[in-house]
Amino acid sequence: KINGNLGWKFWKSVTGTTKIVLPESFEELNIKITAANFAYVYHILRKHLTTSDENFLQGFDNGNTNYCNVIITKTNLQPGSFLANGVDYTRSSACSVYYR
């Protein structure tokens, strides 16, 4: 169950890689969103999203082949922290933060 106190954290890097962070686990899954699997990935994720989050995720589906690489990371780090591939992105100037 998603910890509502932590919520979802979205990072969109300048290179177009978006990281979606879920709490309560250290499990990481890398997904390349394509035209073929977008609807499936969206269906799995949308039940955890607010309306504004859904709009953010729908932005991935931009009508061409430039789909984002999405890193879905479950973590029990404190809010405002983000760790992926051993790198702390929390204070990275290359990333903007969308945090619910």
PDB file of N, CA and C in Angstrom:
ATOM      1  N   LYS A   1       0.847  -1.197   0.000  1.00  0.00           N
ATOM      2  CA  LYS A   1       0.000   0.000   0.000  1.00  0.00           C
ATOM      3  C   LYS A   1       0.883   1.249   0.000  1.00  0.00           C
ATOM      4  N   ILE A   2       0.504   2.204  -0.836  1.00  0.00           N
ATOM      5  CA  ILE A   2       1.284   3.432  -0.931  1.00  0.00           C
ATOM      6  C   ILE A   2       1.119   4.255   0.342  1.00  0.00           C
ATOM      7  N   ASN A   3       2.220   4.749   0.880  1.00  0.00           N
ATOM      8  CA  ASN A   3       2.184   5.599   2.067  1.00  0.00           C
ATOM      9  C   ASN A   3       1.734   6.994   1.657  1.00  0.00           C
ATOM     10  N   GLY A   4       0.506   7.340   1.999  1.00  0.00           N
ATOM     11  CA  GLY A   4      -0.052   8.620   1.588  1.00  0.00           C
ATOM     12  C   GLY A   4       0.675   9.807   2.171  1.00  0.00           C
ATOM     13  N   ASN A   5       1.380   9.606   3.291  1.00  0.00           N
ATOM     14  CA  ASN A   5       2.119  10.704   3.887  1.00  0.00           C
ATOM     15  C   ASN A   5       3.320  11.098   3.041  1.00  0.00           C
ATOM     16  N   LEU A   6       3.879  10.135   2.324  1.00  0.00           N
ATOM     17  CA  LEU A   6       5.009  10.433   1.450  1.00  0.00           C
ATOM     18  C   LEU A   6       4.527  10.834   0.062  1.00  0.00           C
ATOM     19  N   GLY A   7       3.530  10.129  -0.425  1.00  0.00           N
ATOM     20  CA  GLY A   7       2.996  10.444  -1.733  1.00  0.00           C
ATOM     21  C   GLY A   7       3.976  10.123  -2.847  1.00  0.00           C
ATOM     22  N   TRP A   8       3.730  10.730  -4.014  1.00  0.00           N
ATOM     23  CA  TRP A   8       4.569  10.508  -5.184  1.00  0.00           C
ATOM     24  C   TRP A   8       5.494  11.691  -5.369  1.00  0.00           C
ATOM     25  N   LYS A   9       6.711  11.386  -5.831  1.00  0.00           N
ATOM     26  CA  LYS A   9       7.663  12.435  -6.150  1.00  0.00           C
ATOM     27  C   LYS A   9       8.088  12.265  -7.606  1.00  0.00           C
ATOM     28  N   PHE A  10       8.019  13.323  -8.368  1.00  0.00           N
ATOM     29  CA  PHE A  10       8.373  13.270  -9.780  1.00  0.00           C
ATOM     30  C   PHE A  10       9.593  14.138 -10.040  1.00  0.00           C
ATOM     31  N   TRP A  11      10.561  13.561 -10.714  1.00  0.00           N
ATOM     32  CA  TRP A  11      11.712  14.339 -11.170  1.00  0.00           C
ATOM     33  C   TRP A  11      11.751  14.290 -12.690  1.00  0.00           C
ATOM     34  N   LYS A  12      11.877  15.433 -13.335  1.00  0.00           N
ATOM     35  CA  LYS A  12      12.040  15.474 -14.782  1.00  0.00           C
ATOM     36  C   LYS A  12      13.397  16.117 -15.055  1.00  0.00           C
ATOM     37  N   SER A  13      14.324  15.340 -15.566  1.00  0.00           N
ATOM     38  CA  SER A  13      15.669  15.858 -15.787  1.00  0.00           C
ATOM     39  C   SER A  13      15.716  16.640 -17.087  1.00  0.00           C
ATOM     40  N   VAL A  14      16.795  17.369 -17.267  1.00  0.00           N
ATOM     41  CA  VAL A  14      16.948  18.170 -18.482  1.00  0.00           C
ATOM     42  C   VAL A  14      17.110  17.282 -19.705  1.00  0.00           C
ATOM     43  N   THR A  15      17.450  16.019 -19.499  1.00  0.00           N
ATOM     44  CA  THR A  15      17.603  15.098 -20.616  1.00  0.00           C
ATOM     45  C   THR A  15      16.292  14.393 -20.955  1.00  0.00           C
ATOM     46  N   GLY A  16      15.229  14.692 -20.210  1.00  0.00           N
ATOM     47  CA  GLY A  16      13.928  14.106 -20.503  1.00  0.00           C
ATOM     48  C   GLY A  16      13.656  12.812 -19.769  1.00  0.00           C
ATOM     49  N   THR A  17      14.573  12.388 -18.913  1.00  0.00           N
ATOM     50  CA  THR A  17      14.328  11.187 -18.117  1.00  0.00           C
ATOM     51  C   THR A  17      13.498  11.555 -16.900  1.00  0.00           C
ATOM     52  N   THR A  18      12.366  10.880 -16.732  1.00  0.00           N
ATOM     53  CA  THR A  18      11.491  11.157 -15.609  1.00  0.00           C
ATOM     54  C   THR A  18      11.580  10.028 -14.604  1.00  0.00           C
ATOM     55  N   LYS A  19      11.731  10.378 -13.342  1.00  0.00           N
ATOM     56  CA  LYS A  19      11.812   9.388 -12.291  1.00  0.00           C
ATOM     57  C   LYS A  19      10.578   9.501 -11.404  1.00  0.00           C
ATOM     58  N   ILE A  20       9.863   8.399 -11.252  1.00  0.00           N
ATOM     59  CA  ILE A  20       8.680   8.362 -10.398  1.00  0.00           C
ATOM     60  C   ILE A  20       9.040   7.536  -9.170  1.00  0.00           C
ATOM     61  N   VAL A  21       8.932   8.138  -7.992  1.00  0.00           N
ATOM     62  CA  VAL A  21       9.412   7.500  -6.774  1.00  0.00           C
ATOM     63  C   VAL A  21       8.244   7.102  -5.883  1.00  0.00           C
ATOM     64  N   LEU A  22       8.210   5.845  -5.491  1.00  0.00           N
ATOM     65  CA  LEU A  22       7.230   5.354  -4.543  1.00  0.00           C
ATOM     66  C   LEU A  22       7.940   4.959  -3.261  1.00  0.00           C
ATOM     67  N   PRO A  23       7.297   5.131  -2.109  1.00  0.00           N
ATOM     68  CA  PRO A  23       7.935   4.804  -0.835  1.00  0.00           C
ATOM     69  C   PRO A  23       7.843   3.322  -0.465  1.00  0.00           C
ATOM     70  N   GLU A  24       8.523   2.996   0.631  1.00  0.00           N
ATOM     71  CA  GLU A  24       8.323   1.754   1.385  1.00  0.00           C
ATOM     72  C   GLU A  24       9.016   0.520   0.827  1.00  0.00           C
ATOM     73  N   SER A  25       9.965   0.688  -0.086  1.00  0.00           N
ATOM     74  CA  SER A  25      10.718  -0.457  -0.567  1.00  0.00           C
ATOM     75  C   SER A  25      11.991   0.032  -1.228  1.00  0.00           C
ATOM     76  N   PHE A  26      12.943  -0.867  -1.433  1.00  0.00           N
ATOM     77  CA  PHE A  26      14.168  -0.507  -2.123  1.00  0.00           C
ATOM     78  C   PHE A  26      14.170  -1.049  -3.548  1.00  0.00           C
ATOM     79  N   GLU A  27      13.044  -1.569  -3.975  1.00  0.00           N
ATOM     80  CA  GLU A  27      12.954  -2.208  -5.271  1.00  0.00           C
ATOM     81  C   GLU A  27      12.937  -1.168  -6.391  1.00  0.00           C
ATOM     82  N   GLU A  28      13.681  -1.418  -7.435  1.00  0.00           N
ATOM     83  CA  GLU A  28      13.716  -0.482  -8.556  1.00  0.00           C
ATOM     84  C   GLU A  28      13.392  -1.203  -9.854  1.00  0.00           C
ATOM     85  N   LEU A  29      12.591  -0.562 -10.664  1.00  0.00           N
ATOM     86  CA  LEU A  29      12.196  -1.132 -11.947  1.00  0.00           C
ATOM     87  C   LEU A  29      12.377  -0.085 -13.033  1.00  0.00           C
ATOM     88  N   ASN A  30      13.096  -0.436 -14.090  1.00  0.00           N
ATOM     89  CA  ASN A  30      13.301   0.472 -15.213  1.00  0.00           C
ATOM     90  C   ASN A  30      12.361   0.091 -16.351  1.00  0.00           C
ATOM     91  N   ILE A  31      11.607   1.052 -16.841  1.00  0.00           N
ATOM     92  CA  ILE A  31      10.638   0.812 -17.899  1.00  0.00           C
ATOM     93  C   ILE A  31      10.888   1.791 -19.040  1.00  0.00           C
ATOM     94  N   LYS A  32      10.985   1.286 -20.253  1.00  0.00           N
ATOM     95  CA  LYS A  32      10.993   2.146 -21.430  1.00  0.00           C
ATOM     96  C   LYS A  32       9.563   2.212 -21.951  1.00  0.00           C
ATOM     97  N   ILE A  33       8.965   3.380 -21.834  1.00  0.00           N
ATOM     98  CA  ILE A  33       7.589   3.532 -22.289  1.00  0.00           C
ATOM     99  C   ILE A  33       7.570   3.613 -23.810  1.00  0.00           C
ATOM    100  N   THR A  34       6.762   2.761 -24.416  1.00  0.00           N
ATOM    101  CA  THR A  34       6.623   2.743 -25.870  1.00  0.00           C
ATOM    102  C   THR A  34       5.150   2.883 -26.229  1.00  0.00           C
ATOM    103  N   ALA A  35       4.881   3.034 -27.519  1.00  0.00           N
ATOM    104  CA  ALA A  35       3.494   3.104 -27.970  1.00  0.00           C
ATOM    105  C   ALA A  35       2.755   1.821 -27.611  1.00  0.00           C
ATOM    106  N   ALA A  36       3.480   0.708 -27.593  1.00  0.00           N
ATOM    107  CA  ALA A  36       2.851  -0.580 -27.334  1.00  0.00           C
ATOM    108  C   ALA A  36       2.471  -0.757 -25.876  1.00  0.00           C
ATOM    109  N   ASN A  37       3.283  -0.257 -24.940  1.00  0.00           N
ATOM    110  CA  ASN A  37       3.008  -0.547 -23.544  1.00  0.00           C
ATOM    111  C   ASN A  37       2.538   0.662 -22.742  1.00  0.00           C
ATOM    112  N   PHE A  38       2.378   1.811 -23.375  1.00  0.00           N
ATOM    113  CA  PHE A  38       2.014   3.005 -22.630  1.00  0.00           C
ATOM    114  C   PHE A  38       0.700   2.824 -21.875  1.00  0.00           C
ATOM    115  N   ALA A  39      -0.321   2.326 -22.569  1.00  0.00           N
ATOM    116  CA  ALA A  39      -1.636   2.183 -21.945  1.00  0.00           C
ATOM    117  C   ALA A  39      -1.564   1.234 -20.746  1.00  0.00           C
ATOM    118  N   TYR A  40      -0.779   0.174 -20.866  1.00  0.00           N
ATOM    119  CA  TYR A  40      -0.661  -0.790 -19.778  1.00  0.00           C
ATOM    120  C   TYR A  40       0.046  -0.163 -18.581  1.00  0.00           C
ATOM    121  N   VAL A  41       1.167   0.508 -18.841  1.00  0.00           N
ATOM    122  CA  VAL A  41       1.907   1.142 -17.751  1.00  0.00           C
ATOM    123  C   VAL A  41       1.035   2.190 -17.071  1.00  0.00           C
ATOM    124  N   TYR A  42       0.347   2.990 -17.883  1.00  0.00           N
ATOM    125  CA  TYR A  42      -0.509   4.035 -17.326  1.00  0.00           C
ATOM    126  C   TYR A  42      -1.620   3.427 -16.479  1.00  0.00           C
ATOM    127  N   HIS A  43      -2.218   2.332 -16.953  1.00  0.00           N
ATOM    128  CA  HIS A  43      -3.288   1.672 -16.219  1.00  0.00           C
ATOM    129  C   HIS A  43      -2.796   1.200 -14.854  1.00  0.00           C
ATOM    130  N   ILE A  44      -1.573   0.671 -14.794  1.00  0.00           N
ATOM    131  CA  ILE A  44      -1.023   0.181 -13.541  1.00  0.00           C
ATOM    132  C   ILE A  44      -0.758   1.331 -12.575  1.00  0.00           C
ATOM    133  N   LEU A  45      -0.288   2.471 -13.103  1.00  0.00           N
ATOM    134  CA  LEU A  45       0.133   3.561 -12.238  1.00  0.00           C
ATOM    135  C   LEU A  45      -0.991   4.504 -11.837  1.00  0.00           C
ATOM    136  N   ARG A  46      -2.005   4.656 -12.665  1.00  0.00           N
ATOM    137  CA  ARG A  46      -2.949   5.755 -12.504  1.00  0.00           C
ATOM    138  C   ARG A  46      -3.767   5.666 -11.215  1.00  0.00           C
ATOM    139  N   LYS A  47      -3.963   4.467 -10.672  1.00  0.00           N
ATOM    140  CA  LYS A  47      -4.765   4.336  -9.458  1.00  0.00           C
ATOM    141  C   LYS A  47      -4.089   4.991  -8.259  1.00  0.00           C
ATOM    142  N   HIS A  48      -2.794   5.312  -8.390  1.00  0.00           N
ATOM    143  CA  HIS A  48      -2.082   5.958  -7.301  1.00  0.00           C
ATOM    144  C   HIS A  48      -1.945   7.461  -7.505  1.00  0.00           C
ATOM    145  N   LEU A  49      -2.473   7.971  -8.612  1.00  0.00           N
ATOM    146  CA  LEU A  49      -2.193   9.348  -8.992  1.00  0.00           C
ATOM    147  C   LEU A  49      -3.348  10.281  -8.693  1.00  0.00           C
ATOM    148  N   THR A  50      -3.032  11.527  -8.379  1.00  0.00           N
ATOM    149  CA  THR A  50      -4.049  12.560  -8.315  1.00  0.00           C
ATOM    150  C   THR A  50      -4.311  13.055  -9.722  1.00  0.00           C
ATOM    151  N   THR A  51      -5.300  13.926  -9.877  1.00  0.00           N
ATOM    152  CA  THR A  51      -5.631  14.440 -11.203  1.00  0.00           C
ATOM    153  C   THR A  51      -4.439  15.143 -11.832  1.00  0.00           C
ATOM    154  N   SER A  52      -3.765  15.983 -11.056  1.00  0.00           N
ATOM    155  CA  SER A  52      -2.611  16.686 -11.606  1.00  0.00           C
ATOM    156  C   SER A  52      -1.484  15.712 -11.944  1.00  0.00           C
ATOM    157  N   ASP A  53      -1.337  14.659 -11.139  1.00  0.00           N
ATOM    158  CA  ASP A  53      -0.337  13.640 -11.431  1.00  0.00           C
ATOM    159  C   ASP A  53      -0.669  12.917 -12.723  1.00  0.00           C
ATOM    160  N   GLU A  54      -1.949  12.617 -12.922  1.00  0.00           N
ATOM    161  CA  GLU A  54      -2.363  11.948 -14.145  1.00  0.00           C
ATOM    162  C   GLU A  54      -2.025  12.794 -15.361  1.00  0.00           C
ATOM    163  N   ASN A  55      -2.273  14.105 -15.255  1.00  0.00           N
ATOM    164  CA  ASN A  55      -1.941  14.989 -16.364  1.00  0.00           C
ATOM    165  C   ASN A  55      -0.450  14.963 -16.644  1.00  0.00           C
ATOM    166  N   PHE A  56       0.347  14.893 -15.574  1.00  0.00           N
ATOM    167  CA  PHE A  56       1.794  14.835 -15.718  1.00  0.00           C
ATOM    168  C   PHE A  56       2.204  13.564 -16.453  1.00  0.00           C
ATOM    169  N   LEU A  57       1.627  12.431 -16.033  1.00  0.00           N
ATOM    170  CA  LEU A  57       1.974  11.159 -16.649  1.00  0.00           C
ATOM    171  C   LEU A  57       1.505  11.109 -18.101  1.00  0.00           C
ATOM    172  N   GLN A  58       0.332  11.658 -18.359  1.00  0.00           N
ATOM    173  CA  GLN A  58      -0.176  11.662 -19.724  1.00  0.00           C
ATOM    174  C   GLN A  58       0.727  12.455 -20.657  1.00  0.00           C
ATOM    175  N   GLY A  59       1.508  13.391 -20.083  1.00  0.00           N
ATOM    176  CA  GLY A  59       2.441  14.146 -20.891  1.00  0.00           C
ATOM    177  C   GLY A  59       3.490  13.283 -21.558  1.00  0.00           C
ATOM    178  N   PHE A  60       3.702  12.049 -21.049  1.00  0.00           N
ATOM    179  CA  PHE A  60       4.642  11.142 -21.683  1.00  0.00           C
ATOM    180  C   PHE A  60       4.153  10.752 -23.077  1.00  0.00           C
ATOM    181  N   ASP A  61       2.845  10.642 -23.221  1.00  0.00           N
ATOM    182  CA  ASP A  61       2.267  10.156 -24.465  1.00  0.00           C
ATOM    183  C   ASP A  61       2.081  11.348 -25.393  1.00  0.00           C
ATOM    184  N   ASN A  62       3.150  11.708 -26.115  1.00  0.00           N
ATOM    185  CA  ASN A  62       3.144  12.957 -26.866  1.00  0.00           C
ATOM    186  C   ASN A  62       2.877  12.769 -28.350  1.00  0.00           C
ATOM    187  N   GLY A  63       2.382  11.589 -28.726  1.00  0.00           N
ATOM    188  CA  GLY A  63       1.961  11.395 -30.097  1.00  0.00           C
ATOM    189  C   GLY A  63       3.066  11.025 -31.066  1.00  0.00           C
ATOM    190  N   ASN A  64       4.290  10.832 -30.569  1.00  0.00           N
ATOM    191  CA  ASN A  64       5.353  10.358 -31.453  1.00  0.00           C
ATOM    192  C   ASN A  64       6.194   9.331 -30.718  1.00  0.00           C
ATOM    193  N   THR A  65       7.379   9.039 -31.214  1.00  0.00           N
ATOM    194  CA  THR A  65       8.182   7.961 -30.640  1.00  0.00           C
ATOM    195  C   THR A  65       9.111   8.448 -29.537  1.00  0.00           C
ATOM    196  N   ASN A  66       9.031   9.713 -29.154  1.00  0.00           N
ATOM    197  CA  ASN A  66       9.923  10.245 -28.123  1.00  0.00           C
ATOM    198  C   ASN A  66       9.350  10.013 -26.731  1.00  0.00           C
ATOM    199  N   TYR A  67       9.204   8.735 -26.371  1.00  0.00           N
ATOM    200  CA  TYR A  67       8.690   8.412 -25.048  1.00  0.00           C
ATOM    201  C   TYR A  67       9.814   8.489 -24.029  1.00  0.00           C
ATOM    202  N   CYS A  68       9.454   8.829 -22.817  1.00  0.00           N
ATOM    203  CA  CYS A  68      10.451   8.996 -21.763  1.00  0.00           C
ATOM    204  C   CYS A  68      10.899   7.647 -21.229  1.00  0.00           C
ATOM    205  N   ASN A  69      12.149   7.612 -20.797  1.00  0.00           N
ATOM    206  CA  ASN A  69      12.590   6.519 -19.932  1.00  0.00           C
ATOM    207  C   ASN A  69      12.103   6.823 -18.525  1.00  0.00           C
ATOM    208  N   VAL A  70      11.414   5.872 -17.913  1.00  0.00           N
ATOM    209  CA  VAL A  70      10.848   6.077 -16.591  1.00  0.00           C
ATOM    210  C   VAL A  70      11.515   5.134 -15.608  1.00  0.00           C
ATOM    211  N   ILE A  71      12.016   5.700 -14.533  1.00  0.00           N
ATOM    212  CA  ILE A  71      12.549   4.880 -13.451  1.00  0.00           C
ATOM    213  C   ILE A  71      11.546   4.921 -12.303  1.00  0.00           C
ATOM    214  N   ILE A  72      10.995   3.771 -11.947  1.00  0.00           N
ATOM    215  CA  ILE A  72      10.059   3.674 -10.834  1.00  0.00           C
ATOM    216  C   ILE A  72      10.828   3.102  -9.650  1.00  0.00           C
ATOM    217  N   THR A  73      10.991   3.895  -8.618  1.00  0.00           N
ATOM    218  CA  THR A  73      11.794   3.486  -7.478  1.00  0.00           C
ATOM    219  C   THR A  73      10.947   3.499  -6.219  1.00  0.00           C
ATOM    220  N   LYS A  74      10.922   2.381  -5.530  1.00  0.00           N
ATOM    221  CA  LYS A  74      10.283   2.334  -4.218  1.00  0.00           C
ATOM    222  C   LYS A  74      11.364   2.535  -3.171  1.00  0.00           C
ATOM    223  N   THR A  75      11.138   3.429  -2.246  1.00  0.00           N
ATOM    224  CA  THR A  75      12.161   3.726  -1.254  1.00  0.00           C
ATOM    225  C   THR A  75      11.508   4.156   0.056  1.00  0.00           C
ATOM    226  N   ASN A  76      12.193   3.927   1.139  1.00  0.00           N
ATOM    227  CA  ASN A  76      11.690   4.402   2.424  1.00  0.00           C
ATOM    228  C   ASN A  76      12.491   5.612   2.894  1.00  0.00           C
ATOM    229  N   LEU A  77      13.169   6.281   1.972  1.00  0.00           N
ATOM    230  CA  LEU A  77      13.867   7.511   2.306  1.00  0.00           C
ATOM    231  C   LEU A  77      12.866   8.563   2.749  1.00  0.00           C
ATOM    232  N   GLN A  78      13.345   9.547   3.477  1.00  0.00           N
ATOM    233  CA  GLN A  78      12.474  10.609   3.948  1.00  0.00           C
ATOM    234  C   GLN A  78      12.001  11.466   2.766  1.00  0.00           C
ATOM    235  N   PRO A  79      10.833  12.119   2.905  1.00  0.00           N
ATOM    236  CA  PRO A  79      10.341  13.001   1.844  1.00  0.00           C
ATOM    237  C   PRO A  79      11.399  14.022   1.462  1.00  0.00           C
ATOM    238  N   GLY A  80      11.527  14.255   0.169  1.00  0.00           N
ATOM    239  CA  GLY A  80      12.516  15.192  -0.325  1.00  0.00           C
ATOM    240  C   GLY A  80      13.829  14.534  -0.696  1.00  0.00           C
ATOM    241  N   SER A  81      13.980  13.255  -0.359  1.00  0.00           N
ATOM    242  CA  SER A  81      15.181  12.520  -0.719  1.00  0.00           C
ATOM    243  C   SER A  81      14.895  11.618  -1.905  1.00  0.00           C
ATOM    244  N   PHE A  82      15.910  11.395  -2.704  1.00  0.00           N
ATOM    245  CA  PHE A  82      15.745  10.508  -3.859  1.00  0.00           C
ATOM    246  C   PHE A  82      17.075   9.864  -4.183  1.00  0.00           C
ATOM    247  N   LEU A  83      17.081   8.545  -4.285  1.00  0.00           N
ATOM    248  CA  LEU A  83      18.292   7.808  -4.587  1.00  0.00           C
ATOM    249  C   LEU A  83      18.012   6.837  -5.724  1.00  0.00           C
ATOM    250  N   ALA A  84      18.815   6.898  -6.774  1.00  0.00           N
ATOM    251  CA  ALA A  84      18.658   5.967  -7.886  1.00  0.00           C
ATOM    252  C   ALA A  84      20.028   5.664  -8.469  1.00  0.00           C
ATOM    253  N   ASN A  85      20.291   4.390  -8.683  1.00  0.00           N
ATOM    254  CA  ASN A  85      21.573   3.967  -9.233  1.00  0.00           C
ATOM    255  C   ASN A  85      22.732   4.520  -8.409  1.00  0.00           C
ATOM    256  N   GLY A  86      22.543   4.621  -7.093  1.00  0.00           N
ATOM    257  CA  GLY A  86      23.590   5.063  -6.206  1.00  0.00           C
ATOM    258  C   GLY A  86      23.828   6.560  -6.214  1.00  0.00           C
ATOM    259  N   VAL A  87      22.998   7.319  -6.903  1.00  0.00           N
ATOM    260  CA  VAL A  87      23.185   8.764  -7.006  1.00  0.00           C
ATOM    261  C   VAL A  87      22.063   9.480  -6.266  1.00  0.00           C
ATOM    262  N   ASP A  88      22.436  10.430  -5.436  1.00  0.00           N
ATOM    263  CA  ASP A  88      21.450  11.229  -4.715  1.00  0.00           C
ATOM    264  C   ASP A  88      21.047  12.413  -5.581  1.00  0.00           C
ATOM    265  N   TYR A  89      19.803  12.395  -6.071  1.00  0.00           N
ATOM    266  CA  TYR A  89      19.314  13.443  -6.957  1.00  0.00           C
ATOM    267  C   TYR A  89      18.635  14.585  -6.202  1.00  0.00           C
ATOM    268  N   THR A  90      18.618  14.500  -4.887  1.00  0.00           N
ATOM    269  CA  THR A  90      17.809  15.426  -4.111  1.00  0.00           C
ATOM    270  C   THR A  90      18.148  16.876  -4.402  1.00  0.00           C
ATOM    271  N   ARG A  91      19.433  17.184  -4.488  1.00  0.00           N
ATOM    272  CA  ARG A  91      19.853  18.571  -4.677  1.00  0.00           C
ATOM    273  C   ARG A  91      20.385  18.799  -6.086  1.00  0.00           C
ATOM    274  N   SER A  92      20.075  17.906  -6.999  1.00  0.00           N
ATOM    275  CA  SER A  92      20.616  18.024  -8.349  1.00  0.00           C
ATOM    276  C   SER A  92      19.960  19.178  -9.096  1.00  0.00           C
ATOM    277  N   SER A  93      20.780  20.070  -9.613  1.00  0.00           N
ATOM    278  CA  SER A  93      20.247  21.211 -10.368  1.00  0.00           C
ATOM    279  C   SER A  93      19.719  20.772 -11.723  1.00  0.00           C
ATOM    280  N   ALA A  94      20.027  19.540 -12.115  1.00  0.00           N
ATOM    281  CA  ALA A  94      19.561  19.043 -13.401  1.00  0.00           C
ATOM    282  C   ALA A  94      18.129  18.538 -13.347  1.00  0.00           C
ATOM    283  N   CYS A  95      17.578  18.458 -12.137  1.00  0.00           N
ATOM    284  CA  CYS A  95      16.241  17.906 -11.987  1.00  0.00           C
ATOM    285  C   CYS A  95      15.289  18.927 -11.372  1.00  0.00           C
ATOM    286  N   SER A  96      14.109  19.016 -11.930  1.00  0.00           N
ATOM    287  CA  SER A  96      13.044  19.774 -11.284  1.00  0.00           C
ATOM    288  C   SER A  96      12.155  18.788 -10.549  1.00  0.00           C
ATOM    289  N   VAL A  97      11.529  19.234  -9.477  1.00  0.00           N
ATOM    290  CA  VAL A  97      10.801  18.327  -8.602  1.00  0.00           C
ATOM    291  C   VAL A  97       9.302  18.608  -8.657  1.00  0.00           C
ATOM    292  N   TYR A  98       8.536  17.555  -8.875  1.00  0.00           N
ATOM    293  CA  TYR A  98       7.090  17.611  -8.712  1.00  0.00           C
ATOM    294  C   TYR A  98       6.772  16.729  -7.512  1.00  0.00           C
ATOM    295  N   TYR A  99       6.264  17.320  -6.443  1.00  0.00           N
ATOM    296  CA  TYR A  99       6.056  16.551  -5.214  1.00  0.00           C
ATOM    297  C   TYR A  99       4.671  16.798  -4.666  1.00  0.00           C
ATOM    298  N   ARG A 100       3.940  15.695  -4.449  1.00  0.00           N
ATOM    299  CA  ARG A 100       2.599  15.796  -3.857  1.00  0.00           C
ATOM    300  C   ARG A 100       2.707  15.583  -2.370  1.00  0.00           C
TER     301      ARG A 100
END
